[in-house]
Amino acid sequence: INPFINRRNANIFISPQQRWRVKAQERIREHSKPAYEINREACDDFKLCERYAMLY
């Protein structure tokens, strides 16, 4: 049994209007991120930087 479905069936789950809404919400979320989260994403792989981002 294949756990994955093909692209055509996957696209049936989400209508074009829902896809647009999801993309719009993601853009809003990106623009409204707090500064500490943006800083943390900028230095995810560097532990000292991560600590600094959490403090400020």
N, C-alpha and C. Protein backbone atom coordinates (compact mmCIF):
# COMPACT_ATOMS: atom_id res chain seq x y z
N ILE A 1 0.86 -1.19 0.00
CA ILE A 1 0.00 0.00 0.00
C ILE A 1 0.89 1.24 0.00
N ASN A 2 0.60 2.16 -0.90
CA ASN A 2 1.36 3.40 -1.01
C ASN A 2 0.73 4.47 -0.12
N PRO A 3 1.47 5.03 0.85
CA PRO A 3 0.89 6.04 1.75
C PRO A 3 0.69 7.40 1.08
N PHE A 4 1.25 7.59 -0.10
CA PHE A 4 1.15 8.88 -0.78
C PHE A 4 0.06 8.82 -1.85
N ILE A 5 -0.58 9.96 -2.06
CA ILE A 5 -1.58 10.04 -3.12
C ILE A 5 -1.01 10.87 -4.27
N ASN A 6 -1.57 10.68 -5.45
CA ASN A 6 -1.04 11.42 -6.58
C ASN A 6 -1.46 12.89 -6.53
N ARG A 7 -0.85 13.70 -7.35
CA ARG A 7 -1.05 15.15 -7.31
C ARG A 7 -2.50 15.54 -7.62
N ARG A 8 -3.12 14.86 -8.56
CA ARG A 8 -4.49 15.20 -8.94
C ARG A 8 -5.44 15.00 -7.75
N ASN A 9 -5.30 13.88 -7.06
CA ASN A 9 -6.16 13.62 -5.90
C ASN A 9 -5.84 14.56 -4.74
N ALA A 10 -4.59 14.92 -4.59
CA ALA A 10 -4.21 15.84 -3.52
C ALA A 10 -4.82 17.21 -3.74
N ASN A 11 -4.87 17.65 -4.99
CA ASN A 11 -5.42 18.97 -5.30
C ASN A 11 -6.93 19.04 -5.09
N ILE A 12 -7.60 17.91 -5.09
CA ILE A 12 -9.04 17.88 -4.86
C ILE A 12 -9.35 18.30 -3.42
N PHE A 13 -8.45 18.01 -2.49
CA PHE A 13 -8.69 18.30 -1.08
C PHE A 13 -8.83 19.79 -0.81
N ILE A 14 -8.09 20.60 -1.54
CA ILE A 14 -8.07 22.04 -1.28
C ILE A 14 -8.53 22.78 -2.53
N SER A 15 -9.57 23.55 -2.39
CA SER A 15 -10.08 24.32 -3.54
C SER A 15 -9.14 25.49 -3.81
N PRO A 16 -9.19 26.06 -5.02
CA PRO A 16 -8.33 27.22 -5.33
C PRO A 16 -8.54 28.38 -4.36
N GLN A 17 -9.79 28.60 -3.93
CA GLN A 17 -10.06 29.69 -3.00
C GLN A 17 -9.37 29.42 -1.65
N GLN A 18 -9.40 28.19 -1.19
CA GLN A 18 -8.74 27.85 0.07
C GLN A 18 -7.23 28.01 -0.06
N ARG A 19 -6.68 27.62 -1.21
CA ARG A 19 -5.24 27.78 -1.43
C ARG A 19 -4.85 29.24 -1.34
N TRP A 20 -5.65 30.11 -1.96
CA TRP A 20 -5.37 31.54 -1.92
C TRP A 20 -5.42 32.06 -0.49
N ARG A 21 -6.43 31.61 0.26
CA ARG A 21 -6.59 32.06 1.65
C ARG A 21 -5.40 31.61 2.49
N VAL A 22 -4.95 30.38 2.30
CA VAL A 22 -3.80 29.87 3.06
C VAL A 22 -2.55 30.68 2.74
N LYS A 23 -2.32 30.99 1.46
CA LYS A 23 -1.15 31.78 1.07
C LYS A 23 -1.23 33.18 1.66
N ALA A 24 -2.42 33.78 1.65
CA ALA A 24 -2.59 35.12 2.21
C ALA A 24 -2.32 35.11 3.71
N GLN A 25 -2.81 34.11 4.41
CA GLN A 25 -2.58 34.01 5.85
C GLN A 25 -1.10 33.84 6.16
N GLU A 26 -0.41 33.07 5.34
CA GLU A 26 1.03 32.86 5.55
C GLU A 26 1.79 34.17 5.36
N ARG A 27 1.42 34.96 4.34
CA ARG A 27 2.07 36.26 4.13
C ARG A 27 1.83 37.19 5.31
N ILE A 28 0.60 37.20 5.82
CA ILE A 28 0.29 38.04 6.98
C ILE A 28 1.11 37.60 8.18
N ARG A 29 1.21 36.29 8.38
CA ARG A 29 1.98 35.75 9.50
C ARG A 29 3.45 36.15 9.39
N GLU A 30 4.00 36.10 8.17
CA GLU A 30 5.40 36.48 7.97
C GLU A 30 5.63 37.95 8.30
N HIS A 31 4.68 38.80 7.93
CA HIS A 31 4.84 40.24 8.17
C HIS A 31 4.60 40.62 9.62
N SER A 32 3.87 39.81 10.36
CA SER A 32 3.55 40.17 11.74
C SER A 32 4.38 39.39 12.76
N LYS A 33 5.47 38.79 12.32
CA LYS A 33 6.34 38.06 13.24
C LYS A 33 7.02 39.02 14.20
N PRO A 34 7.16 38.63 15.45
CA PRO A 34 7.94 39.46 16.38
C PRO A 34 9.42 39.45 16.01
N ALA A 35 10.11 40.48 16.42
CA ALA A 35 11.53 40.64 16.07
C ALA A 35 12.36 39.47 16.56
N TYR A 36 12.07 38.97 17.76
CA TYR A 36 12.88 37.87 18.29
C TYR A 36 12.76 36.62 17.42
N GLU A 37 11.59 36.41 16.84
CA GLU A 37 11.41 35.23 15.99
C GLU A 37 12.17 35.38 14.68
N ILE A 38 12.16 36.58 14.12
CA ILE A 38 12.91 36.84 12.90
C ILE A 38 14.40 36.66 13.17
N ASN A 39 14.88 37.19 14.30
CA ASN A 39 16.29 37.04 14.66
C ASN A 39 16.64 35.57 14.88
N ARG A 40 15.76 34.85 15.51
CA ARG A 40 16.03 33.44 15.77
C ARG A 40 16.13 32.65 14.47
N GLU A 41 15.26 32.92 13.52
CA GLU A 41 15.31 32.22 12.25
C GLU A 41 16.59 32.55 11.48
N ALA A 42 17.10 33.75 11.67
CA ALA A 42 18.31 34.16 10.96
C ALA A 42 19.52 33.37 11.44
N CYS A 43 19.47 32.86 12.65
CA CYS A 43 20.65 32.16 13.18
C CYS A 43 20.25 30.85 13.86
N ASP A 44 19.44 30.05 13.20
CA ASP A 44 18.98 28.79 13.77
C ASP A 44 20.10 27.82 14.12
N ASP A 45 21.18 27.84 13.35
CA ASP A 45 22.22 26.83 13.53
C ASP A 45 23.33 27.25 14.49
N PHE A 46 23.27 28.45 15.00
CA PHE A 46 24.34 28.96 15.85
C PHE A 46 23.78 29.18 17.25
N LYS A 47 24.20 28.38 18.22
CA LYS A 47 23.57 28.35 19.54
C LYS A 47 23.69 29.67 20.30
N LEU A 48 24.85 30.32 20.26
CA LEU A 48 24.99 31.59 20.98
C LEU A 48 24.06 32.64 20.39
N CYS A 49 23.97 32.65 19.10
CA CYS A 49 23.08 33.59 18.42
C CYS A 49 21.63 33.29 18.80
N GLU A 50 21.29 32.03 18.90
CA GLU A 50 19.93 31.63 19.27
C GLU A 50 19.59 32.13 20.67
N ARG A 51 20.51 31.99 21.61
CA ARG A 51 20.28 32.49 22.97
C ARG A 51 20.09 34.00 22.98
N TYR A 52 20.91 34.70 22.23
CA TYR A 52 20.81 36.15 22.15
C TYR A 52 19.45 36.56 21.57
N ALA A 53 19.01 35.87 20.54
CA ALA A 53 17.73 36.18 19.92
C ALA A 53 16.57 35.96 20.88
N MET A 54 16.68 34.98 21.74
CA MET A 54 15.60 34.72 22.70
C MET A 54 15.56 35.80 23.78
N LEU A 55 16.71 36.39 24.11
CA LEU A 55 16.75 37.42 25.14
C LEU A 55 16.29 38.77 24.61
N TYR A 56 16.59 39.07 23.35
CA TYR A 56 16.29 40.41 22.82
C TYR A 56 15.31 40.32 21.72
